[in-house]
Amino acid sequence: MIRRILFVLLSIAAVLSAAAARAEGCDSTPQPLTAQEKAFYSSFTTLRGAIPQPPAGWQVKRDSQEKLDKGYEYMPKDRCPGSNYYLGLDVGYERPMSQADSDKEMAAMQAPADPAKQKKVDELTAKQQAIMQKMMEAAQRQDYKGMEAIGKQNDEIGKELQAAQLDASSGSRATMDAIQRDRDAGVRIAINDGGGSVSCYGSPKAIQVPGAVAYQCESPASYSSPGEVQDPAKAHIVVIYGPAEAKQYDYTRKRAQDKEVKDSYVDIKTTADAGRYPQPTVLVVDVSGDDLARAESLYKQMNLKPLAALIKH
């Protein structure tokens, strides 16, 4: 009887353990790491050793600091059977705002617009208000054709007013943009990235890196509408070791004044088999910055030879 009760208790414990494992993301019971798997995950120390120091006046972002600490436990205790073998390290850098920067930004926000430009804004605002009054009067008369014609006038005045407002605030915005410029950068190193490709936007240029496919690119800010940034300016240096094929494509982006311009990007395809086996197949290094000079300053600090040695050619 005691043995039967003990057997039942052990069975329940096993079921609960399996349920907990599935709740954490495993479809089956997690398995202890093999020696080969441990060797794969230990490559993390090589990735960490390649991370450059922050530039002068910069710091590592708080959410990145933990992985750079020597006591960080990078080795998993087990893994889900059938899951891909992937290893990655993302480190962000930032240049903190100084009090002087904050004071300059506040002064720029409070600075009066150029009198001539502000006069144009005031005139167009008055025109728009007059048009809206006509719209209300036409609505009261139920003059739908008149409302349609007035609506078109309002659209035209609205575009002129938006452009005039942007022009009037251009000096302040330029000052604030300069203060916020070159404050964000990052380094990403990944082994067997499951994405299957890496893209580099903005006049890509191939660079020479022994044993790798490598590009640099710099994409200016793009806008969804005048003055509304859709994607901030960003530069990348991308280096890929392992099977990879690069192709270049064209695309269009909008400048600040809603003008479309043609640009290009490169898409680098990697092997679909990356991650199936516990060995590094593809290694991606992606160094980014607000501009190319910042990305280059970080990239030049990196010793890529230990990273390249991880890939079995």
C-alpha atoms as a PDB file:
ATOM      1  CA  MET A   1       0.000   0.000   0.000  1.00  0.00           C
ATOM      2  CA  ILE A   2       2.772   2.426   0.962  1.00  0.00           C
ATOM      3  CA  ARG A   3       4.619   1.663  -2.287  1.00  0.00           C
ATOM      4  CA  ARG A   4       1.438   2.297  -4.297  1.00  0.00           C
ATOM      5  CA  ILE A   5       0.873   5.660  -2.572  1.00  0.00           C
ATOM      6  CA  LEU A   6       4.491   6.594  -3.156  1.00  0.00           C
ATOM      7  CA  PHE A   7       4.218   5.643  -6.831  1.00  0.00           C
ATOM      8  CA  VAL A   8       1.083   7.798  -7.195  1.00  0.00           C
ATOM      9  CA  LEU A   9       2.780  10.778  -5.537  1.00  0.00           C
ATOM     10  CA  LEU A  10       5.825  10.461  -7.810  1.00  0.00           C
ATOM     11  CA  SER A  11       3.572  10.239 -10.867  1.00  0.00           C
ATOM     12  CA  ILE A  12       1.725  13.389  -9.831  1.00  0.00           C
ATOM     13  CA  ALA A  13       5.041  15.171  -9.282  1.00  0.00           C
ATOM     14  CA  ALA A  14       6.224  14.141 -12.742  1.00  0.00           C
ATOM     15  CA  VAL A  15       3.015  15.419 -14.348  1.00  0.00           C
ATOM     16  CA  LEU A  16       3.268  18.740 -12.491  1.00  0.00           C
ATOM     17  CA  SER A  17       6.910  19.063 -13.482  1.00  0.00           C
ATOM     18  CA  ALA A  18       6.103  18.452 -17.142  1.00  0.00           C
ATOM     19  CA  ALA A  19       3.197  20.921 -16.990  1.00  0.00           C
ATOM     20  CA  ALA A  20       5.489  23.576 -15.482  1.00  0.00           C
ATOM     21  CA  ALA A  21       8.039  22.974 -18.232  1.00  0.00           C
ATOM     22  CA  ARG A  22       5.385  23.370 -20.925  1.00  0.00           C
ATOM     23  CA  ALA A  23       4.128  26.534 -19.228  1.00  0.00           C
ATOM     24  CA  GLU A  24       7.630  27.986 -19.528  1.00  0.00           C
ATOM     25  CA  GLY A  25       7.681  27.407 -23.288  1.00  0.00           C
ATOM     26  CA  CYS A  26       8.636  23.736 -23.755  1.00  0.00           C
ATOM     27  CA  ASP A  27       6.305  21.347 -25.588  1.00  0.00           C
ATOM     28  CA  SER A  28       8.095  18.469 -23.872  1.00  0.00           C
ATOM     29  CA  THR A  29      10.305  17.934 -20.853  1.00  0.00           C
ATOM     30  CA  PRO A  30      13.500  20.098 -20.911  1.00  0.00           C
ATOM     31  CA  GLN A  31      16.694  18.101 -21.312  1.00  0.00           C
ATOM     32  CA  PRO A  32      20.069  18.637 -19.574  1.00  0.00           C
ATOM     33  CA  LEU A  33      22.774  20.144 -21.791  1.00  0.00           C
ATOM     34  CA  THR A  34      25.213  17.827 -23.522  1.00  0.00           C
ATOM     35  CA  ALA A  35      28.940  18.594 -23.597  1.00  0.00           C
ATOM     36  CA  GLN A  36      28.602  19.859 -27.193  1.00  0.00           C
ATOM     37  CA  GLU A  37      25.699  22.110 -26.224  1.00  0.00           C
ATOM     38  CA  LYS A  38      27.631  23.522 -23.281  1.00  0.00           C
ATOM     39  CA  ALA A  39      30.519  24.292 -25.637  1.00  0.00           C
ATOM     40  CA  PHE A  40      28.089  26.119 -27.947  1.00  0.00           C
ATOM     41  CA  TYR A  41      26.644  28.319 -25.190  1.00  0.00           C
ATOM     42  CA  SER A  42      30.085  29.024 -23.742  1.00  0.00           C
ATOM     43  CA  SER A  43      30.752  31.049 -26.915  1.00  0.00           C
ATOM     44  CA  PHE A  44      28.950  33.834 -25.064  1.00  0.00           C
ATOM     45  CA  THR A  45      32.256  34.782 -23.405  1.00  0.00           C
ATOM     46  CA  THR A  46      33.769  35.358 -26.869  1.00  0.00           C
ATOM     47  CA  LEU A  47      30.838  37.576 -27.819  1.00  0.00           C
ATOM     48  CA  ARG A  48      31.174  39.543 -24.607  1.00  0.00           C
ATOM     49  CA  GLY A  49      34.918  39.937 -25.095  1.00  0.00           C
ATOM     50  CA  ALA A  50      34.319  41.637 -28.456  1.00  0.00           C
ATOM     51  CA  ILE A  51      32.028  44.347 -27.052  1.00  0.00           C
ATOM     52  CA  PRO A  52      33.720  47.792 -27.247  1.00  0.00           C
ATOM     53  CA  GLN A  53      33.934  50.253 -24.372  1.00  0.00           C
ATOM     54  CA  PRO A  54      31.604  53.283 -24.339  1.00  0.00           C
ATOM     55  CA  PRO A  55      32.955  56.389 -26.114  1.00  0.00           C
ATOM     56  CA  ALA A  56      34.173  59.268 -23.960  1.00  0.00           C
ATOM     57  CA  GLY A  57      31.204  60.911 -22.246  1.00  0.00           C
ATOM     58  CA  TRP A  58      28.944  57.932 -22.992  1.00  0.00           C
ATOM     59  CA  GLN A  59      27.701  55.033 -20.871  1.00  0.00           C
ATOM     60  CA  VAL A  60      26.319  51.543 -21.326  1.00  0.00           C
ATOM     61  CA  LYS A  61      22.534  51.550 -20.988  1.00  0.00           C
ATOM     62  CA  ARG A  62      21.264  50.156 -17.715  1.00  0.00           C
ATOM     63  CA  ASP A  63      19.384  47.254 -19.317  1.00  0.00           C
ATOM     64  CA  SER A  64      22.593  46.140 -21.069  1.00  0.00           C
ATOM     65  CA  GLN A  65      24.965  46.331 -18.117  1.00  0.00           C
ATOM     66  CA  GLU A  66      23.896  43.044 -16.494  1.00  0.00           C
ATOM     67  CA  LYS A  67      25.072  40.898 -19.410  1.00  0.00           C
ATOM     68  CA  LEU A  68      28.502  42.533 -19.350  1.00  0.00           C
ATOM     69  CA  ASP A  69      29.077  41.750 -15.675  1.00  0.00           C
ATOM     70  CA  LYS A  70      31.479  38.852 -15.140  1.00  0.00           C
ATOM     71  CA  GLY A  71      29.029  37.165 -12.763  1.00  0.00           C
ATOM     72  CA  TYR A  72      26.240  37.026 -15.364  1.00  0.00           C
ATOM     73  CA  GLU A  73      24.919  33.453 -15.700  1.00  0.00           C
ATOM     74  CA  TYR A  74      24.778  33.013 -19.465  1.00  0.00           C
ATOM     75  CA  MET A  75      24.732  29.182 -19.473  1.00  0.00           C
ATOM     76  CA  PRO A  76      21.176  27.760 -19.517  1.00  0.00           C
ATOM     77  CA  LYS A  77      20.458  24.878 -17.166  1.00  0.00           C
ATOM     78  CA  ASP A  78      18.606  22.899 -19.859  1.00  0.00           C
ATOM     79  CA  ARG A  79      16.931  23.343 -23.228  1.00  0.00           C
ATOM     80  CA  CYS A  80      13.721  22.394 -24.968  1.00  0.00           C
ATOM     81  CA  PRO A  81      14.164  19.456 -27.376  1.00  0.00           C
ATOM     82  CA  GLY A  82      13.749  20.569 -30.981  1.00  0.00           C
ATOM     83  CA  SER A  83      14.365  24.277 -30.319  1.00  0.00           C
ATOM     84  CA  ASN A  84      16.959  26.129 -32.372  1.00  0.00           C
ATOM     85  CA  TYR A  85      20.442  26.844 -31.118  1.00  0.00           C
ATOM     86  CA  TYR A  86      20.775  30.621 -30.859  1.00  0.00           C
ATOM     87  CA  LEU A  87      23.061  32.918 -28.904  1.00  0.00           C
ATOM     88  CA  GLY A  88      22.945  36.710 -28.921  1.00  0.00           C
ATOM     89  CA  LEU A  89      24.202  39.768 -27.106  1.00  0.00           C
ATOM     90  CA  ASP A  90      22.778  43.279 -27.531  1.00  0.00           C
ATOM     91  CA  VAL A  91      24.495  46.218 -25.860  1.00  0.00           C
ATOM     92  CA  GLY A  92      23.156  49.765 -26.018  1.00  0.00           C
ATOM     93  CA  TYR A  93      25.101  52.975 -25.432  1.00  0.00           C
ATOM     94  CA  GLU A  94      23.823  56.450 -24.632  1.00  0.00           C
ATOM     95  CA  ARG A  95      25.186  59.960 -24.120  1.00  0.00           C
ATOM     96  CA  PRO A  96      23.343  61.453 -21.145  1.00  0.00           C
ATOM     97  CA  MET A  97      21.852  64.929 -21.362  1.00  0.00           C
ATOM     98  CA  SER A  98      23.878  67.480 -19.439  1.00  0.00           C
ATOM     99  CA  GLN A  99      22.332  70.444 -17.654  1.00  0.00           C
ATOM    100  CA  ALA A 100      23.815  72.694 -20.331  1.00  0.00           C
ATOM    101  CA  ASP A 101      22.085  70.612 -23.028  1.00  0.00           C
ATOM    102  CA  SER A 102      18.767  70.841 -21.182  1.00  0.00           C
ATOM    103  CA  ASP A 103      19.125  74.608 -20.802  1.00  0.00           C
ATOM    104  CA  LYS A 104      19.867  75.031 -24.520  1.00  0.00           C
ATOM    105  CA  GLU A 105      16.885  72.874 -25.433  1.00  0.00           C
ATOM    106  CA  MET A 106      14.553  74.862 -23.179  1.00  0.00           C
ATOM    107  CA  ALA A 107      15.840  78.137 -24.625  1.00  0.00           C
ATOM    108  CA  ALA A 108      15.250  76.844 -28.161  1.00  0.00           C
ATOM    109  CA  MET A 109      11.686  75.819 -27.316  1.00  0.00           C
ATOM    110  CA  GLN A 110      10.935  79.269 -25.883  1.00  0.00           C
ATOM    111  CA  ALA A 111      12.692  81.266 -28.592  1.00  0.00           C
ATOM    112  CA  PRO A 112      10.333  83.561 -30.572  1.00  0.00           C
ATOM    113  CA  ALA A 113       9.887  82.908 -34.277  1.00  0.00           C
ATOM    114  CA  ASP A 114      11.247  85.204 -36.952  1.00  0.00           C
ATOM    115  CA  PRO A 115       8.781  88.181 -37.110  1.00  0.00           C
ATOM    116  CA  ALA A 116       8.296  87.947 -40.892  1.00  0.00           C
ATOM    117  CA  LYS A 117       7.644  84.185 -40.732  1.00  0.00           C
ATOM    118  CA  GLN A 118       5.286  84.600 -37.779  1.00  0.00           C
ATOM    119  CA  LYS A 119       3.378  87.295 -39.688  1.00  0.00           C
ATOM    120  CA  LYS A 120       2.773  84.847 -42.524  1.00  0.00           C
ATOM    121  CA  VAL A 121       1.508  82.241 -40.036  1.00  0.00           C
ATOM    122  CA  ASP A 122      -0.879  84.794 -38.502  1.00  0.00           C
ATOM    123  CA  GLU A 123      -2.209  85.836 -41.934  1.00  0.00           C
ATOM    124  CA  LEU A 124      -2.850  82.254 -43.015  1.00  0.00           C
ATOM    125  CA  THR A 125      -4.473  81.479 -39.653  1.00  0.00           C
ATOM    126  CA  ALA A 126      -6.859  84.415 -40.142  1.00  0.00           C
ATOM    127  CA  LYS A 127      -7.705  83.180 -43.666  1.00  0.00           C
ATOM    128  CA  GLN A 128      -8.417  79.708 -42.356  1.00  0.00           C
ATOM    129  CA  GLN A 129     -10.697  81.070 -39.643  1.00  0.00           C
ATOM    130  CA  ALA A 130     -12.601  83.109 -42.251  1.00  0.00           C
ATOM    131  CA  ILE A 131     -13.014  80.023 -44.425  1.00  0.00           C
ATOM    132  CA  MET A 132     -14.320  78.033 -41.472  1.00  0.00           C
ATOM    133  CA  GLN A 133     -16.891  80.793 -40.840  1.00  0.00           C
ATOM    134  CA  LYS A 134     -18.047  80.499 -44.462  1.00  0.00           C
ATOM    135  CA  MET A 135     -18.248  76.728 -44.036  1.00  0.00           C
ATOM    136  CA  MET A 136     -20.559  77.136 -41.045  1.00  0.00           C
ATOM    137  CA  GLU A 137     -22.775  79.586 -42.944  1.00  0.00           C
ATOM    138  CA  ALA A 138     -22.989  77.208 -45.935  1.00  0.00           C
ATOM    139  CA  ALA A 139     -23.888  74.359 -43.592  1.00  0.00           C
ATOM    140  CA  GLN A 140     -26.710  76.397 -42.091  1.00  0.00           C
ATOM    141  CA  ARG A 141     -28.060  77.013 -45.642  1.00  0.00           C
ATOM    142  CA  GLN A 142     -27.575  73.316 -46.442  1.00  0.00           C
ATOM    143  CA  ASP A 143     -25.505  74.431 -49.424  1.00  0.00           C
ATOM    144  CA  TYR A 144     -23.604  71.176 -49.937  1.00  0.00           C
ATOM    145  CA  LYS A 145     -21.934  72.195 -53.200  1.00  0.00           C
ATOM    146  CA  GLY A 146     -20.735  75.377 -51.552  1.00  0.00           C
ATOM    147  CA  MET A 147     -19.441  73.366 -48.572  1.00  0.00           C
ATOM    148  CA  GLU A 148     -17.480  71.121 -50.924  1.00  0.00           C
ATOM    149  CA  ALA A 149     -15.857  74.097 -52.668  1.00  0.00           C
ATOM    150  CA  ILE A 150     -15.067  75.781 -49.357  1.00  0.00           C
ATOM    151  CA  GLY A 151     -13.624  72.505 -48.057  1.00  0.00           C
ATOM    152  CA  LYS A 152     -11.148  72.406 -50.955  1.00  0.00           C
ATOM    153  CA  GLN A 153     -10.094  75.981 -50.162  1.00  0.00           C
ATOM    154  CA  ASN A 154      -9.620  74.997 -46.537  1.00  0.00           C
ATOM    155  CA  ASP A 155      -7.411  72.048 -47.540  1.00  0.00           C
ATOM    156  CA  GLU A 156      -5.163  74.325 -49.598  1.00  0.00           C
ATOM    157  CA  ILE A 157      -4.895  76.931 -46.857  1.00  0.00           C
ATOM    158  CA  GLY A 158      -4.231  74.163 -44.336  1.00  0.00           C
ATOM    159  CA  LYS A 159      -1.238  72.920 -46.354  1.00  0.00           C
ATOM    160  CA  GLU A 160       0.133  76.461 -46.671  1.00  0.00           C
ATOM    161  CA  LEU A 161      -0.358  77.042 -42.946  1.00  0.00           C
ATOM    162  CA  GLN A 162       1.389  73.811 -41.969  1.00  0.00           C
ATOM    163  CA  ALA A 163       4.362  74.676 -44.188  1.00  0.00           C
ATOM    164  CA  ALA A 164       4.503  78.205 -42.760  1.00  0.00           C
ATOM    165  CA  GLN A 165       4.386  76.897 -39.173  1.00  0.00           C
ATOM    166  CA  LEU A 166       7.227  74.493 -39.883  1.00  0.00           C
ATOM    167  CA  ASP A 167       9.240  77.279 -41.476  1.00  0.00           C
ATOM    168  CA  ALA A 168       8.610  79.581 -38.507  1.00  0.00           C
ATOM    169  CA  SER A 169       9.820  76.946 -36.045  1.00  0.00           C
ATOM    170  CA  SER A 170      12.698  75.662 -38.192  1.00  0.00           C
ATOM    171  CA  GLY A 171      15.351  77.521 -36.207  1.00  0.00           C
ATOM    172  CA  SER A 172      14.208  76.102 -32.865  1.00  0.00           C
ATOM    173  CA  ARG A 173      13.819  72.597 -34.286  1.00  0.00           C
ATOM    174  CA  ALA A 174      17.284  72.692 -35.840  1.00  0.00           C
ATOM    175  CA  THR A 175      18.794  73.647 -32.486  1.00  0.00           C
ATOM    176  CA  MET A 176      16.911  70.879 -30.651  1.00  0.00           C
ATOM    177  CA  ASP A 177      17.802  68.317 -33.342  1.00  0.00           C
ATOM    178  CA  ALA A 178      21.481  69.213 -32.961  1.00  0.00           C
ATOM    179  CA  ILE A 179      21.269  68.745 -29.173  1.00  0.00           C
ATOM    180  CA  GLN A 180      19.610  65.335 -29.535  1.00  0.00           C
ATOM    181  CA  ARG A 181      21.969  64.221 -32.288  1.00  0.00           C
ATOM    182  CA  ASP A 182      24.525  61.471 -31.660  1.00  0.00           C
ATOM    183  CA  ARG A 183      23.120  60.160 -28.384  1.00  0.00           C
ATOM    184  CA  ASP A 184      22.252  56.554 -29.176  1.00  0.00           C
ATOM    185  CA  ALA A 185      24.375  53.634 -30.409  1.00  0.00           C
ATOM    186  CA  GLY A 186      24.505  49.880 -30.093  1.00  0.00           C
ATOM    187  CA  VAL A 187      26.354  46.663 -30.831  1.00  0.00           C
ATOM    188  CA  ARG A 188      24.571  43.411 -31.574  1.00  0.00           C
ATOM    189  CA  ILE A 189      26.373  40.084 -31.988  1.00  0.00           C
ATOM    190  CA  ALA A 190      24.299  36.993 -32.763  1.00  0.00           C
ATOM    191  CA  ILE A 191      25.087  33.363 -33.541  1.00  0.00           C
ATOM    192  CA  ASN A 192      22.564  31.435 -35.667  1.00  0.00           C
ATOM    193  CA  ASP A 193      20.042  34.272 -35.814  1.00  0.00           C
ATOM    194  CA  GLY A 194      16.738  32.744 -36.867  1.00  0.00           C
ATOM    195  CA  GLY A 195      15.705  35.806 -38.874  1.00  0.00           C
ATOM    196  CA  GLY A 196      17.297  34.495 -42.058  1.00  0.00           C
ATOM    197  CA  SER A 197      18.409  37.905 -43.333  1.00  0.00           C
ATOM    198  CA  VAL A 198      19.895  41.246 -42.293  1.00  0.00           C
ATOM    199  CA  SER A 199      19.063  44.541 -44.028  1.00  0.00           C
ATOM    200  CA  CYS A 200      21.175  47.707 -44.210  1.00  0.00           C
ATOM    201  CA  TYR A 201      19.335  50.883 -45.353  1.00  0.00           C
ATOM    202  CA  GLY A 202      20.772  54.024 -46.896  1.00  0.00           C
ATOM    203  CA  SER A 203      23.353  54.019 -49.710  1.00  0.00           C
ATOM    204  CA  PRO A 204      24.952  50.682 -48.740  1.00  0.00           C
ATOM    205  CA  LYS A 205      28.624  50.221 -49.512  1.00  0.00           C
ATOM    206  CA  ALA A 206      30.508  46.916 -49.371  1.00  0.00           C
ATOM    207  CA  ILE A 207      33.534  46.928 -47.068  1.00  0.00           C
ATOM    208  CA  GLN A 208      36.423  44.493 -47.000  1.00  0.00           C
ATOM    209  CA  VAL A 209      36.450  42.096 -44.035  1.00  0.00           C
ATOM    210  CA  PRO A 210      38.417  38.821 -44.486  1.00  0.00           C
ATOM    211  CA  GLY A 211      36.118  35.810 -44.614  1.00  0.00           C
ATOM    212  CA  ALA A 212      32.907  37.808 -44.271  1.00  0.00           C
ATOM    213  CA  VAL A 213      30.187  39.652 -46.169  1.00  0.00           C
ATOM    214  CA  ALA A 214      30.212  43.217 -44.837  1.00  0.00           C
ATOM    215  CA  TYR A 215      28.440  46.523 -45.571  1.00  0.00           C
ATOM    216  CA  GLN A 216      28.121  50.001 -44.178  1.00  0.00           C
ATOM    217  CA  CYS A 217      25.060  52.178 -44.685  1.00  0.00           C
ATOM    218  CA  GLU A 218      23.644  55.468 -43.444  1.00  0.00           C
ATOM    219  CA  SER A 219      19.953  56.264 -43.697  1.00  0.00           C
ATOM    220  CA  PRO A 220      18.815  59.876 -43.098  1.00  0.00           C
ATOM    221  CA  ALA A 221      15.614  60.463 -41.154  1.00  0.00           C
ATOM    222  CA  SER A 222      12.409  59.729 -43.052  1.00  0.00           C
ATOM    223  CA  TYR A 223       9.123  61.551 -42.501  1.00  0.00           C
ATOM    224  CA  SER A 224       5.479  60.480 -42.544  1.00  0.00           C
ATOM    225  CA  SER A 225       4.424  64.108 -43.102  1.00  0.00           C
ATOM    226  CA  PRO A 226       6.170  67.500 -42.982  1.00  0.00           C
ATOM    227  CA  GLY A 227       7.950  67.773 -39.652  1.00  0.00           C
ATOM    228  CA  GLU A 228       6.794  64.315 -38.437  1.00  0.00           C
ATOM    229  CA  VAL A 229       9.714  61.888 -38.195  1.00  0.00           C
ATOM    230  CA  GLN A 230       8.755  58.326 -39.106  1.00  0.00           C
ATOM    231  CA  ASP A 231      12.212  56.757 -38.759  1.00  0.00           C
ATOM    232  CA  PRO A 232      15.163  58.607 -37.184  1.00  0.00           C
ATOM    233  CA  ALA A 233      18.539  58.796 -38.879  1.00  0.00           C
ATOM    234  CA  LYS A 234      20.524  55.586 -38.385  1.00  0.00           C
ATOM    235  CA  ALA A 235      23.816  54.160 -39.578  1.00  0.00           C
ATOM    236  CA  HIS A 236      24.986  50.547 -39.501  1.00  0.00           C
ATOM    237  CA  ILE A 237      28.087  48.493 -40.080  1.00  0.00           C
ATOM    238  CA  VAL A 238      27.077  44.874 -40.677  1.00  0.00           C
ATOM    239  CA  VAL A 239      29.514  41.947 -40.821  1.00  0.00           C
ATOM    240  CA  ILE A 240      28.332  38.375 -41.426  1.00  0.00           C
ATOM    241  CA  TYR A 241      30.467  35.248 -41.132  1.00  0.00           C
ATOM    242  CA  GLY A 242      29.169  32.019 -42.623  1.00  0.00           C
ATOM    243  CA  PRO A 243      26.979  31.335 -45.690  1.00  0.00           C
ATOM    244  CA  ALA A 244      25.501  34.646 -46.868  1.00  0.00           C
ATOM    245  CA  GLU A 245      24.378  36.311 -50.087  1.00  0.00           C
ATOM    246  CA  ALA A 246      23.794  40.046 -50.527  1.00  0.00           C
ATOM    247  CA  LYS A 247      21.410  41.746 -52.966  1.00  0.00           C
ATOM    248  CA  GLN A 248      20.728  45.454 -53.344  1.00  0.00           C
ATOM    249  CA  TYR A 249      17.278  47.004 -53.813  1.00  0.00           C
ATOM    250  CA  ASP A 250      15.800  50.479 -54.333  1.00  0.00           C
ATOM    251  CA  TYR A 251      13.240  52.163 -52.097  1.00  0.00           C
ATOM    252  CA  THR A 252      11.809  55.656 -51.565  1.00  0.00           C
ATOM    253  CA  ARG A 253      11.656  57.757 -48.422  1.00  0.00           C
ATOM    254  CA  LYS A 254      10.241  61.186 -47.609  1.00  0.00           C
ATOM    255  CA  ARG A 255      12.260  64.236 -46.639  1.00  0.00           C
ATOM    256  CA  ALA A 256      11.108  66.800 -44.091  1.00  0.00           C
ATOM    257  CA  GLN A 257       9.135  68.815 -46.647  1.00  0.00           C
ATOM    258  CA  ASP A 258       7.185  65.747 -47.873  1.00  0.00           C
ATOM    259  CA  LYS A 259       9.414  65.305 -50.928  1.00  0.00           C
ATOM    260  CA  GLU A 260      10.081  61.696 -51.936  1.00  0.00           C
ATOM    261  CA  VAL A 261      13.653  60.716 -52.732  1.00  0.00           C
ATOM    262  CA  LYS A 262      15.096  57.460 -54.026  1.00  0.00           C
ATOM    263  CA  ASP A 263      17.532  55.471 -51.942  1.00  0.00           C
ATOM    264  CA  SER A 264      18.750  51.880 -51.717  1.00  0.00           C
ATOM    265  CA  TYR A 265      19.369  49.114 -49.215  1.00  0.00           C
ATOM    266  CA  VAL A 266      21.086  45.757 -49.158  1.00  0.00           C
ATOM    267  CA  ASP A 267      19.457  42.555 -47.906  1.00  0.00           C
ATOM    268  CA  ILE A 268      21.855  39.819 -46.803  1.00  0.00           C
ATOM    269  CA  LYS A 269      20.361  36.325 -46.799  1.00  0.00           C
ATOM    270  CA  THR A 270      21.821  33.684 -44.494  1.00  0.00           C
ATOM    271  CA  THR A 271      21.392  29.915 -44.446  1.00  0.00           C
ATOM    272  CA  ALA A 272      18.017  28.511 -43.441  1.00  0.00           C
ATOM    273  CA  ASP A 273      19.761  25.695 -41.559  1.00  0.00           C
ATOM    274  CA  ALA A 274      21.383  28.006 -39.017  1.00  0.00           C
ATOM    275  CA  GLY A 275      20.470  26.876 -35.538  1.00  0.00           C
ATOM    276  CA  ARG A 276      19.637  23.258 -36.263  1.00  0.00           C
ATOM    277  CA  TYR A 277      22.808  21.909 -34.721  1.00  0.00           C
ATOM    278  CA  PRO A 278      24.774  22.937 -31.610  1.00  0.00           C
ATOM    279  CA  GLN A 279      27.542  24.676 -33.502  1.00  0.00           C
ATOM    280  CA  PRO A 280      27.943  28.255 -34.763  1.00  0.00           C
ATOM    281  CA  THR A 281      26.865  28.371 -38.419  1.00  0.00           C
ATOM    282  CA  VAL A 282      26.236  32.080 -38.994  1.00  0.00           C
ATOM    283  CA  LEU A 283      27.530  34.987 -36.926  1.00  0.00           C
ATOM    284  CA  VAL A 284      26.177  38.535 -37.337  1.00  0.00           C
ATOM    285  CA  VAL A 285      27.851  41.699 -36.066  1.00  0.00           C
ATOM    286  CA  ASP A 286      25.670  44.819 -36.325  1.00  0.00           C
ATOM    287  CA  VAL A 287      27.117  48.111 -35.057  1.00  0.00           C
ATOM    288  CA  SER A 288      24.738  51.073 -35.130  1.00  0.00           C
ATOM    289  CA  GLY A 289      24.774  54.778 -34.356  1.00  0.00           C
ATOM    290  CA  ASP A 290      22.903  57.988 -35.046  1.00  0.00           C
ATOM    291  CA  ASP A 291      25.467  58.580 -37.770  1.00  0.00           C
ATOM    292  CA  LEU A 292      28.162  56.576 -39.529  1.00  0.00           C
ATOM    293  CA  ALA A 293      31.019  58.237 -37.652  1.00  0.00           C
ATOM    294  CA  ARG A 294      29.664  56.952 -34.309  1.00  0.00           C
ATOM    295  CA  ALA A 295      29.145  53.435 -35.675  1.00  0.00           C
ATOM    296  CA  GLU A 296      32.694  53.470 -37.070  1.00  0.00           C
ATOM    297  CA  SER A 297      34.150  54.639 -33.753  1.00  0.00           C
ATOM    298  CA  LEU A 298      32.697  51.558 -32.019  1.00  0.00           C
ATOM    299  CA  TYR A 299      33.478  49.163 -34.858  1.00  0.00           C
ATOM    300  CA  LYS A 300      37.163  50.141 -34.946  1.00  0.00           C
ATOM    301  CA  GLN A 301      37.536  49.069 -31.302  1.00  0.00           C
ATOM    302  CA  MET A 302      36.350  45.527 -32.033  1.00  0.00           C
ATOM    303  CA  ASN A 303      38.651  42.541 -32.563  1.00  0.00           C
ATOM    304  CA  LEU A 304      36.714  40.346 -34.993  1.00  0.00           C
ATOM    305  CA  LYS A 305      39.224  37.483 -35.228  1.00  0.00           C
ATOM    306  CA  PRO A 306      37.913  35.551 -32.174  1.00  0.00           C
ATOM    307  CA  LEU A 307      34.386  35.912 -33.546  1.00  0.00           C
ATOM    308  CA  ALA A 308      35.392  34.678 -36.992  1.00  0.00           C
ATOM    309  CA  ALA A 309      37.134  31.687 -35.407  1.00  0.00           C
ATOM    310  CA  LEU A 310      33.797  30.501 -33.984  1.00  0.00           C
ATOM    311  CA  ILE A 311      32.495  29.686 -37.471  1.00  0.00           C
ATOM    312  CA  LYS A 312      33.645  26.344 -38.860  1.00  0.00           C
ATOM    313  CA  HIS A 313      34.512  26.888 -42.520  1.00  0.00           C
END
